[in-house]
Amino acid sequence: MGTDSEKPRMPDDADIAARFEKIREQLHSMELPELPEDEIKRLEAGPVKPVVDHNHVDAKLKDLETRANKAQGQFRQAINRPTPKALESSNKSTRGLAVGMLVAYTIMGLPLAGIGIGFLIDWWLGTVMAKGLGALAGATLGVIMAIKIINANADKVN
C-alpha cells in the first residue's frame, strides 16, 4: 500500500488555468486557415432551431404505424399457421379416431341388431331362442367386420 503522497491528486484551478494557457500559446503559434465570412456569421448567430413540418411527420408516423400493424398481422398469422407436419399428424389422428369409433359402433351395433332381429323372429314364431342366436350371429359379424375395417384402414392411420 502506498502513502497519500503517491496517490494522484486532482488538479486545482491554477493547474487547469496553466494547461489552458499552454494550449492557447500553442494555437497562437500555429497557422490556421481563416474561416469564411458566412461561416463566422453562422457561428456567431448561435444554434439554429430546425424547422419541423408537422404534417410531414404525421404522415410518416401514420405510414410507419400502418406498416407495423401489417407486419404484426403477418407475424401472428405465421405463428398460428400449422406446419405441414402438424397437419399430417392431425389428419392421421382424426382418421384414427374415426376408424376407432366405426369399430366400436360395429362391435356394439351388430349384436344389438342381431338381438332385435331375434326378438322379431321370436315374436313371429313364438320361440325364445332366436334372440340368443341373433346376438351370437351379430357378435360374430361385428368382430369380423371390425377386423376388416381395421385391416382396410391400417395403412392410412399409421
N, C-alpha and C. Protein backbone atom coordinates (compact mmCIF):
# COMPACT_ATOMS: atom_id res chain seq x y z
N MET A 1 0.83 -1.18 0.00
CA MET A 1 0.00 0.00 0.00
C MET A 1 0.87 1.24 0.00
N GLY A 2 0.46 2.21 -0.80
CA GLY A 2 1.23 3.44 -0.88
C GLY A 2 0.72 4.48 0.09
N THR A 3 1.49 5.50 0.24
CA THR A 3 1.08 6.60 1.12
C THR A 3 0.25 7.58 0.32
N ASP A 4 -0.26 8.60 1.03
CA ASP A 4 -1.09 9.61 0.37
C ASP A 4 -0.31 10.41 -0.65
N SER A 5 1.00 10.53 -0.47
CA SER A 5 1.80 11.32 -1.41
C SER A 5 1.95 10.61 -2.75
N GLU A 6 1.80 9.28 -2.79
CA GLU A 6 1.94 8.52 -4.03
C GLU A 6 0.64 8.51 -4.84
N LYS A 7 -0.48 8.81 -4.23
CA LYS A 7 -1.76 8.82 -4.93
C LYS A 7 -1.84 10.04 -5.84
N PRO A 8 -2.45 9.87 -7.03
CA PRO A 8 -2.61 11.05 -7.89
C PRO A 8 -3.59 12.02 -7.26
N ARG A 9 -3.32 13.31 -7.45
CA ARG A 9 -4.20 14.32 -6.87
C ARG A 9 -5.00 14.99 -7.98
N MET A 10 -6.14 15.54 -7.62
CA MET A 10 -6.99 16.25 -8.56
C MET A 10 -6.36 17.61 -8.86
N PRO A 11 -6.38 18.02 -10.13
CA PRO A 11 -5.80 19.34 -10.43
C PRO A 11 -6.69 20.44 -9.85
N ASP A 12 -6.03 21.49 -9.38
CA ASP A 12 -6.80 22.62 -8.86
C ASP A 12 -6.99 23.64 -9.98
N ASP A 13 -7.64 24.75 -9.66
CA ASP A 13 -7.94 25.77 -10.68
C ASP A 13 -6.68 26.34 -11.31
N ALA A 14 -5.62 26.51 -10.55
CA ALA A 14 -4.38 27.07 -11.09
C ALA A 14 -3.77 26.12 -12.11
N ASP A 15 -3.80 24.81 -11.82
CA ASP A 15 -3.26 23.83 -12.76
C ASP A 15 -4.05 23.84 -14.07
N ILE A 16 -5.34 23.89 -13.95
CA ILE A 16 -6.20 23.90 -15.14
C ILE A 16 -5.96 25.16 -15.96
N ALA A 17 -5.85 26.32 -15.29
CA ALA A 17 -5.60 27.58 -16.00
C ALA A 17 -4.26 27.54 -16.70
N ALA A 18 -3.24 26.94 -16.06
CA ALA A 18 -1.92 26.84 -16.68
C ALA A 18 -1.97 25.95 -17.92
N ARG A 19 -2.72 24.87 -17.86
CA ARG A 19 -2.84 23.98 -19.02
C ARG A 19 -3.53 24.69 -20.19
N PHE A 20 -4.60 25.43 -19.90
CA PHE A 20 -5.30 26.17 -20.96
C PHE A 20 -4.39 27.22 -21.57
N GLU A 21 -3.60 27.89 -20.75
CA GLU A 21 -2.70 28.92 -21.27
C GLU A 21 -1.66 28.29 -22.19
N LYS A 22 -1.15 27.13 -21.83
CA LYS A 22 -0.17 26.43 -22.65
C LYS A 22 -0.79 26.05 -24.00
N ILE A 23 -2.03 25.55 -23.99
CA ILE A 23 -2.73 25.20 -25.24
C ILE A 23 -2.97 26.44 -26.07
N ARG A 24 -3.35 27.55 -25.44
CA ARG A 24 -3.61 28.81 -26.15
C ARG A 24 -2.34 29.30 -26.85
N GLU A 25 -1.19 29.18 -26.17
CA GLU A 25 0.08 29.60 -26.77
C GLU A 25 0.41 28.72 -27.97
N GLN A 26 0.13 27.41 -27.86
CA GLN A 26 0.41 26.51 -28.98
C GLN A 26 -0.48 26.85 -30.18
N LEU A 27 -1.73 27.21 -29.92
CA LEU A 27 -2.64 27.56 -31.00
C LEU A 27 -2.24 28.87 -31.67
N HIS A 28 -1.73 29.86 -30.90
CA HIS A 28 -1.34 31.15 -31.48
C HIS A 28 -0.13 30.98 -32.38
N SER A 29 0.73 30.03 -32.07
CA SER A 29 1.92 29.84 -32.89
C SER A 29 1.62 29.07 -34.18
N MET A 30 0.46 28.43 -34.26
CA MET A 30 0.09 27.67 -35.44
C MET A 30 -0.56 28.58 -36.47
N GLU A 31 -0.37 28.22 -37.72
CA GLU A 31 -1.05 28.96 -38.78
C GLU A 31 -2.33 28.21 -39.12
N LEU A 32 -3.44 28.79 -38.75
CA LEU A 32 -4.74 28.16 -39.01
C LEU A 32 -5.40 28.86 -40.19
N PRO A 33 -6.16 28.11 -41.00
CA PRO A 33 -6.84 28.77 -42.13
C PRO A 33 -7.96 29.67 -41.61
N GLU A 34 -8.24 30.71 -42.35
CA GLU A 34 -9.30 31.64 -41.99
C GLU A 34 -10.65 31.03 -42.36
N LEU A 35 -11.62 31.26 -41.47
CA LEU A 35 -12.98 30.81 -41.76
C LEU A 35 -13.63 31.76 -42.73
N PRO A 36 -14.48 31.24 -43.60
CA PRO A 36 -15.22 32.15 -44.50
C PRO A 36 -16.14 33.05 -43.68
N GLU A 37 -16.43 34.20 -44.22
CA GLU A 37 -17.23 35.21 -43.53
C GLU A 37 -18.63 34.68 -43.17
N ASP A 38 -19.27 33.96 -44.09
CA ASP A 38 -20.62 33.45 -43.80
C ASP A 38 -20.59 32.39 -42.70
N GLU A 39 -19.50 31.63 -42.60
CA GLU A 39 -19.38 30.63 -41.53
C GLU A 39 -19.22 31.33 -40.18
N ILE A 40 -18.46 32.42 -40.15
CA ILE A 40 -18.29 33.18 -38.90
C ILE A 40 -19.62 33.75 -38.45
N LYS A 41 -20.41 34.30 -39.38
CA LYS A 41 -21.72 34.86 -39.04
C LYS A 41 -22.66 33.76 -38.52
N ARG A 42 -22.59 32.59 -39.15
CA ARG A 42 -23.44 31.48 -38.71
C ARG A 42 -23.08 31.05 -37.31
N LEU A 43 -21.80 30.96 -37.00
CA LEU A 43 -21.37 30.56 -35.66
C LEU A 43 -21.71 31.62 -34.62
N GLU A 44 -21.60 32.90 -34.99
CA GLU A 44 -21.94 33.98 -34.05
C GLU A 44 -23.43 34.03 -33.77
N ALA A 45 -24.26 33.60 -34.75
CA ALA A 45 -25.71 33.66 -34.57
C ALA A 45 -26.20 32.64 -33.55
N GLY A 46 -25.42 31.63 -33.27
CA GLY A 46 -25.82 30.62 -32.30
C GLY A 46 -26.50 29.44 -32.97
N PRO A 47 -26.99 28.51 -32.17
CA PRO A 47 -27.60 27.32 -32.74
C PRO A 47 -28.89 27.66 -33.47
N VAL A 48 -29.12 26.94 -34.55
CA VAL A 48 -30.32 27.14 -35.37
C VAL A 48 -31.32 26.06 -35.00
N LYS A 49 -32.53 26.49 -34.71
CA LYS A 49 -33.59 25.52 -34.41
C LYS A 49 -34.10 24.94 -35.72
N PRO A 50 -34.20 23.61 -35.77
CA PRO A 50 -34.68 23.01 -37.01
C PRO A 50 -36.16 23.31 -37.23
N VAL A 51 -36.51 23.43 -38.49
CA VAL A 51 -37.90 23.67 -38.86
C VAL A 51 -38.55 22.31 -39.07
N VAL A 52 -39.63 22.06 -38.35
CA VAL A 52 -40.30 20.77 -38.43
C VAL A 52 -41.63 20.96 -39.13
N ASP A 53 -41.82 20.17 -40.18
CA ASP A 53 -43.09 20.16 -40.89
C ASP A 53 -43.97 19.10 -40.24
N HIS A 54 -44.89 19.52 -39.38
CA HIS A 54 -45.68 18.57 -38.61
C HIS A 54 -46.58 17.70 -39.49
N ASN A 55 -47.06 18.24 -40.58
CA ASN A 55 -47.89 17.43 -41.48
C ASN A 55 -47.08 16.28 -42.06
N HIS A 56 -45.84 16.57 -42.43
CA HIS A 56 -44.97 15.54 -42.99
C HIS A 56 -44.66 14.48 -41.93
N VAL A 57 -44.41 14.92 -40.70
CA VAL A 57 -44.10 13.99 -39.61
C VAL A 57 -45.32 13.12 -39.31
N ASP A 58 -46.49 13.74 -39.27
CA ASP A 58 -47.72 12.96 -39.01
C ASP A 58 -47.95 11.91 -40.10
N ALA A 59 -47.71 12.29 -41.34
CA ALA A 59 -47.89 11.33 -42.44
C ALA A 59 -46.89 10.18 -42.31
N LYS A 60 -45.65 10.51 -41.96
CA LYS A 60 -44.64 9.47 -41.79
C LYS A 60 -45.01 8.54 -40.64
N LEU A 61 -45.50 9.11 -39.53
CA LEU A 61 -45.90 8.30 -38.39
C LEU A 61 -47.06 7.38 -38.73
N LYS A 62 -48.03 7.89 -39.47
CA LYS A 62 -49.16 7.06 -39.86
C LYS A 62 -48.71 5.93 -40.78
N ASP A 63 -47.80 6.24 -41.71
CA ASP A 63 -47.27 5.22 -42.61
C ASP A 63 -46.51 4.16 -41.81
N LEU A 64 -45.71 4.61 -40.86
CA LEU A 64 -44.95 3.67 -40.02
C LEU A 64 -45.89 2.80 -39.20
N GLU A 65 -46.95 3.40 -38.65
CA GLU A 65 -47.91 2.64 -37.85
C GLU A 65 -48.64 1.61 -38.72
N THR A 66 -49.00 2.00 -39.94
CA THR A 66 -49.67 1.08 -40.86
C THR A 66 -48.78 -0.11 -41.19
N ARG A 67 -47.51 0.18 -41.48
CA ARG A 67 -46.58 -0.91 -41.80
C ARG A 67 -46.34 -1.81 -40.60
N ALA A 68 -46.27 -1.21 -39.40
CA ALA A 68 -46.05 -2.02 -38.19
C ALA A 68 -47.26 -2.92 -37.93
N ASN A 69 -48.47 -2.40 -38.10
CA ASN A 69 -49.67 -3.22 -37.91
C ASN A 69 -49.73 -4.36 -38.93
N LYS A 70 -49.35 -4.05 -40.17
CA LYS A 70 -49.34 -5.09 -41.20
C LYS A 70 -48.33 -6.18 -40.86
N ALA A 71 -47.14 -5.77 -40.44
CA ALA A 71 -46.11 -6.74 -40.07
C ALA A 71 -46.55 -7.57 -38.87
N GLN A 72 -47.20 -6.93 -37.91
CA GLN A 72 -47.68 -7.65 -36.72
C GLN A 72 -48.75 -8.68 -37.13
N GLY A 73 -49.64 -8.31 -38.03
CA GLY A 73 -50.65 -9.25 -38.51
C GLY A 73 -50.04 -10.44 -39.22
N GLN A 74 -49.03 -10.17 -40.08
CA GLN A 74 -48.36 -11.26 -40.77
C GLN A 74 -47.64 -12.17 -39.79
N PHE A 75 -47.04 -11.57 -38.75
CA PHE A 75 -46.35 -12.36 -37.74
C PHE A 75 -47.32 -13.26 -36.99
N ARG A 76 -48.47 -12.71 -36.61
CA ARG A 76 -49.47 -13.52 -35.90
C ARG A 76 -50.01 -14.64 -36.77
N GLN A 77 -50.21 -14.36 -38.06
CA GLN A 77 -50.67 -15.41 -38.98
C GLN A 77 -49.63 -16.51 -39.10
N ALA A 78 -48.36 -16.11 -39.18
CA ALA A 78 -47.29 -17.10 -39.31
C ALA A 78 -47.19 -17.97 -38.07
N ILE A 79 -47.42 -17.38 -36.91
CA ILE A 79 -47.36 -18.15 -35.67
C ILE A 79 -48.53 -19.13 -35.59
N ASN A 80 -49.72 -18.67 -35.97
CA ASN A 80 -50.92 -19.50 -35.83
C ASN A 80 -51.08 -20.52 -36.95
N ARG A 81 -50.32 -20.38 -38.03
CA ARG A 81 -50.44 -21.31 -39.16
C ARG A 81 -49.80 -22.64 -38.78
N PRO A 82 -50.54 -23.74 -38.87
CA PRO A 82 -49.95 -25.04 -38.52
C PRO A 82 -48.94 -25.47 -39.58
N THR A 83 -47.94 -26.18 -39.13
CA THR A 83 -46.92 -26.68 -40.05
C THR A 83 -47.47 -27.89 -40.81
N PRO A 84 -46.88 -28.21 -41.96
CA PRO A 84 -47.35 -29.39 -42.71
C PRO A 84 -47.27 -30.67 -41.87
N LYS A 85 -46.26 -30.78 -41.04
CA LYS A 85 -46.13 -31.98 -40.20
C LYS A 85 -47.28 -32.04 -39.20
N ALA A 86 -47.64 -30.88 -38.63
CA ALA A 86 -48.75 -30.85 -37.67
C ALA A 86 -50.07 -31.18 -38.37
N LEU A 87 -50.24 -30.68 -39.60
CA LEU A 87 -51.45 -31.00 -40.36
C LEU A 87 -51.53 -32.50 -40.64
N GLU A 88 -50.42 -33.08 -41.05
CA GLU A 88 -50.41 -34.52 -41.34
C GLU A 88 -50.72 -35.31 -40.08
N SER A 89 -50.13 -34.90 -38.97
CA SER A 89 -50.38 -35.58 -37.70
C SER A 89 -51.84 -35.44 -37.29
N SER A 90 -52.40 -34.25 -37.49
CA SER A 90 -53.81 -34.02 -37.16
C SER A 90 -54.72 -34.87 -38.04
N ASN A 91 -54.39 -34.96 -39.33
CA ASN A 91 -55.21 -35.77 -40.24
C ASN A 91 -55.17 -37.24 -39.83
N LYS A 92 -53.99 -37.74 -39.50
CA LYS A 92 -53.88 -39.14 -39.08
C LYS A 92 -54.62 -39.36 -37.77
N SER A 93 -54.54 -38.41 -36.88
CA SER A 93 -55.22 -38.54 -35.60
C SER A 93 -56.74 -38.56 -35.80
N THR A 94 -57.22 -37.69 -36.66
CA THR A 94 -58.66 -37.63 -36.94
C THR A 94 -59.13 -38.92 -37.61
N ARG A 95 -58.34 -39.41 -38.55
CA ARG A 95 -58.70 -40.66 -39.22
C ARG A 95 -58.70 -41.81 -38.23
N GLY A 96 -57.71 -41.84 -37.35
CA GLY A 96 -57.64 -42.89 -36.33
C GLY A 96 -58.85 -42.86 -35.42
N LEU A 97 -59.27 -41.66 -35.02
CA LEU A 97 -60.46 -41.53 -34.18
C LEU A 97 -61.70 -42.02 -34.92
N ALA A 98 -61.82 -41.67 -36.19
CA ALA A 98 -62.99 -42.10 -36.97
C ALA A 98 -63.03 -43.63 -37.11
N VAL A 99 -61.87 -44.22 -37.38
CA VAL A 99 -61.82 -45.68 -37.53
C VAL A 99 -62.15 -46.34 -36.20
N GLY A 100 -61.62 -45.80 -35.11
CA GLY A 100 -61.92 -46.37 -33.79
C GLY A 100 -63.40 -46.31 -33.46
N MET A 101 -64.02 -45.19 -33.77
CA MET A 101 -65.46 -45.07 -33.50
C MET A 101 -66.26 -46.03 -34.38
N LEU A 102 -65.85 -46.18 -35.64
CA LEU A 102 -66.54 -47.10 -36.53
C LEU A 102 -66.43 -48.54 -36.02
N VAL A 103 -65.25 -48.93 -35.54
CA VAL A 103 -65.06 -50.27 -34.99
C VAL A 103 -65.94 -50.46 -33.75
N ALA A 104 -65.97 -49.45 -32.88
CA ALA A 104 -66.78 -49.56 -31.65
C ALA A 104 -68.26 -49.69 -31.97
N TYR A 105 -68.74 -48.87 -32.91
CA TYR A 105 -70.16 -48.97 -33.26
C TYR A 105 -70.47 -50.29 -33.95
N THR A 106 -69.53 -50.80 -34.71
CA THR A 106 -69.74 -52.10 -35.38
C THR A 106 -69.82 -53.22 -34.34
N ILE A 107 -68.88 -53.22 -33.39
CA ILE A 107 -68.86 -54.28 -32.38
C ILE A 107 -70.10 -54.21 -31.48
N MET A 108 -70.58 -53.00 -31.22
CA MET A 108 -71.76 -52.86 -30.36
C MET A 108 -73.07 -52.96 -31.15
N GLY A 109 -73.06 -52.42 -32.36
CA GLY A 109 -74.31 -52.31 -33.12
C GLY A 109 -74.79 -53.62 -33.72
N LEU A 110 -73.90 -54.42 -34.28
CA LEU A 110 -74.33 -55.66 -34.93
C LEU A 110 -74.92 -56.66 -33.94
N PRO A 111 -74.37 -56.86 -32.73
CA PRO A 111 -75.07 -57.75 -31.78
C PRO A 111 -76.45 -57.20 -31.39
N LEU A 112 -76.54 -55.88 -31.22
CA LEU A 112 -77.86 -55.31 -30.89
C LEU A 112 -78.84 -55.50 -32.04
N ALA A 113 -78.34 -55.33 -33.26
CA ALA A 113 -79.21 -55.58 -34.42
C ALA A 113 -79.63 -57.06 -34.46
N GLY A 114 -78.68 -57.97 -34.12
CA GLY A 114 -79.00 -59.41 -34.08
C GLY A 114 -80.05 -59.70 -33.01
N ILE A 115 -79.94 -59.04 -31.86
CA ILE A 115 -80.96 -59.24 -30.80
C ILE A 115 -82.30 -58.73 -31.28
N GLY A 116 -82.31 -57.59 -31.95
CA GLY A 116 -83.57 -57.03 -32.46
C GLY A 116 -84.23 -57.94 -33.48
N ILE A 117 -83.44 -58.45 -34.39
CA ILE A 117 -83.98 -59.37 -35.39
C ILE A 117 -84.45 -60.66 -34.71
N GLY A 118 -83.66 -61.16 -33.75
CA GLY A 118 -84.06 -62.36 -33.00
C GLY A 118 -85.35 -62.13 -32.24
N PHE A 119 -85.54 -60.94 -31.67
CA PHE A 119 -86.78 -60.63 -30.96
C PHE A 119 -87.97 -60.70 -31.92
N LEU A 120 -87.78 -60.12 -33.13
CA LEU A 120 -88.87 -60.17 -34.12
C LEU A 120 -89.18 -61.61 -34.54
N ILE A 121 -88.14 -62.42 -34.70
CA ILE A 121 -88.35 -63.83 -35.07
C ILE A 121 -89.06 -64.56 -33.93
N ASP A 122 -88.61 -64.31 -32.67
CA ASP A 122 -89.26 -64.94 -31.51
C ASP A 122 -90.73 -64.51 -31.43
N TRP A 123 -91.02 -63.31 -31.67
CA TRP A 123 -92.40 -62.81 -31.59
C TRP A 123 -93.24 -63.43 -32.69
N TRP A 124 -92.66 -63.57 -33.88
CA TRP A 124 -93.40 -64.12 -35.01
C TRP A 124 -93.62 -65.62 -34.85
N LEU A 125 -92.56 -66.34 -34.39
CA LEU A 125 -92.68 -67.79 -34.27
C LEU A 125 -93.14 -68.24 -32.88
N GLY A 126 -93.03 -67.36 -31.91
CA GLY A 126 -93.43 -67.73 -30.55
C GLY A 126 -92.35 -68.52 -29.83
N THR A 127 -91.08 -68.34 -30.19
CA THR A 127 -89.98 -69.05 -29.53
C THR A 127 -89.21 -68.08 -28.64
N VAL A 128 -88.17 -68.59 -27.95
CA VAL A 128 -87.36 -67.73 -27.08
C VAL A 128 -85.88 -67.81 -27.43
N MET A 129 -85.53 -68.62 -28.38
CA MET A 129 -84.13 -68.86 -28.66
C MET A 129 -83.55 -67.95 -29.76
N ALA A 130 -84.32 -67.31 -30.54
CA ALA A 130 -83.84 -66.53 -31.68
C ALA A 130 -83.07 -65.30 -31.21
N LYS A 131 -83.41 -64.71 -30.05
CA LYS A 131 -82.68 -63.53 -29.55
C LYS A 131 -81.23 -63.91 -29.26
N GLY A 132 -81.01 -65.05 -28.62
CA GLY A 132 -79.65 -65.51 -28.30
C GLY A 132 -78.85 -65.80 -29.56
N LEU A 133 -79.50 -66.49 -30.51
CA LEU A 133 -78.82 -66.79 -31.77
C LEU A 133 -78.53 -65.52 -32.57
N GLY A 134 -79.45 -64.57 -32.53
CA GLY A 134 -79.25 -63.28 -33.22
C GLY A 134 -78.10 -62.51 -32.58
N ALA A 135 -78.01 -62.54 -31.24
CA ALA A 135 -76.93 -61.86 -30.55
C ALA A 135 -75.59 -62.51 -30.90
N LEU A 136 -75.55 -63.85 -30.93
CA LEU A 136 -74.32 -64.56 -31.26
C LEU A 136 -73.91 -64.29 -32.71
N ALA A 137 -74.87 -64.33 -33.62
CA ALA A 137 -74.57 -64.05 -35.03
C ALA A 137 -74.11 -62.59 -35.20
N GLY A 138 -74.78 -61.66 -34.50
CA GLY A 138 -74.39 -60.24 -34.58
C GLY A 138 -73.01 -59.99 -34.00
N ALA A 139 -72.68 -60.66 -32.89
CA ALA A 139 -71.36 -60.51 -32.29
C ALA A 139 -70.29 -61.04 -33.22
N THR A 140 -70.55 -62.19 -33.84
CA THR A 140 -69.58 -62.77 -34.77
C THR A 140 -69.39 -61.86 -35.97
N LEU A 141 -70.48 -61.41 -36.54
CA LEU A 141 -70.38 -60.48 -37.68
C LEU A 141 -69.69 -59.17 -37.26
N GLY A 142 -69.97 -58.69 -36.05
CA GLY A 142 -69.36 -57.46 -35.56
C GLY A 142 -67.85 -57.57 -35.46
N VAL A 143 -67.36 -58.68 -34.91
CA VAL A 143 -65.91 -58.88 -34.79
C VAL A 143 -65.28 -59.02 -36.17
N ILE A 144 -65.94 -59.78 -37.06
CA ILE A 144 -65.40 -59.95 -38.42
C ILE A 144 -65.34 -58.61 -39.14
N MET A 145 -66.40 -57.84 -39.05
CA MET A 145 -66.44 -56.52 -39.70
C MET A 145 -65.39 -55.58 -39.08
N ALA A 146 -65.23 -55.63 -37.77
CA ALA A 146 -64.23 -54.78 -37.11
C ALA A 146 -62.83 -55.12 -37.60
N ILE A 147 -62.53 -56.40 -37.74
CA ILE A 147 -61.21 -56.81 -38.24
C ILE A 147 -61.01 -56.33 -39.68
N LYS A 148 -62.04 -56.44 -40.51
CA LYS A 148 -61.95 -55.96 -41.89
C LYS A 148 -61.74 -54.45 -41.94
N ILE A 149 -62.45 -53.72 -41.12
CA ILE A 149 -62.32 -52.25 -41.09
C ILE A 149 -60.90 -51.86 -40.65
N ILE A 150 -60.39 -52.54 -39.63
CA ILE A 150 -59.04 -52.23 -39.13
C ILE A 150 -58.01 -52.54 -40.20
N ASN A 151 -58.14 -53.69 -40.87
CA ASN A 151 -57.17 -54.06 -41.91
C ASN A 151 -57.25 -53.13 -43.11
N ALA A 152 -58.44 -52.68 -43.46
CA ALA A 152 -58.60 -51.79 -44.61
C ALA A 152 -57.99 -50.41 -44.33
N ASN A 153 -58.01 -49.98 -43.09
CA ASN A 153 -57.53 -48.64 -42.75
C ASN A 153 -56.19 -48.62 -42.04
N ALA A 154 -55.55 -49.76 -41.91
CA ALA A 154 -54.30 -49.84 -41.16
C ALA A 154 -53.20 -49.00 -41.79
N ASP A 155 -53.08 -49.02 -43.12
CA ASP A 155 -52.03 -48.25 -43.79
C ASP A 155 -52.32 -46.75 -43.80
N LYS A 156 -53.58 -46.37 -43.70
CA LYS A 156 -53.96 -44.95 -43.74
C LYS A 156 -53.80 -44.27 -42.38
N VAL A 157 -53.92 -45.03 -41.31
CA VAL A 157 -53.85 -44.46 -39.96
C VAL A 157 -52.42 -44.34 -39.50
N ASN A 158 -51.58 -45.31 -39.82
CA ASN A 158 -50.19 -45.29 -39.35
C ASN A 158 -49.41 -44.32 -40.11
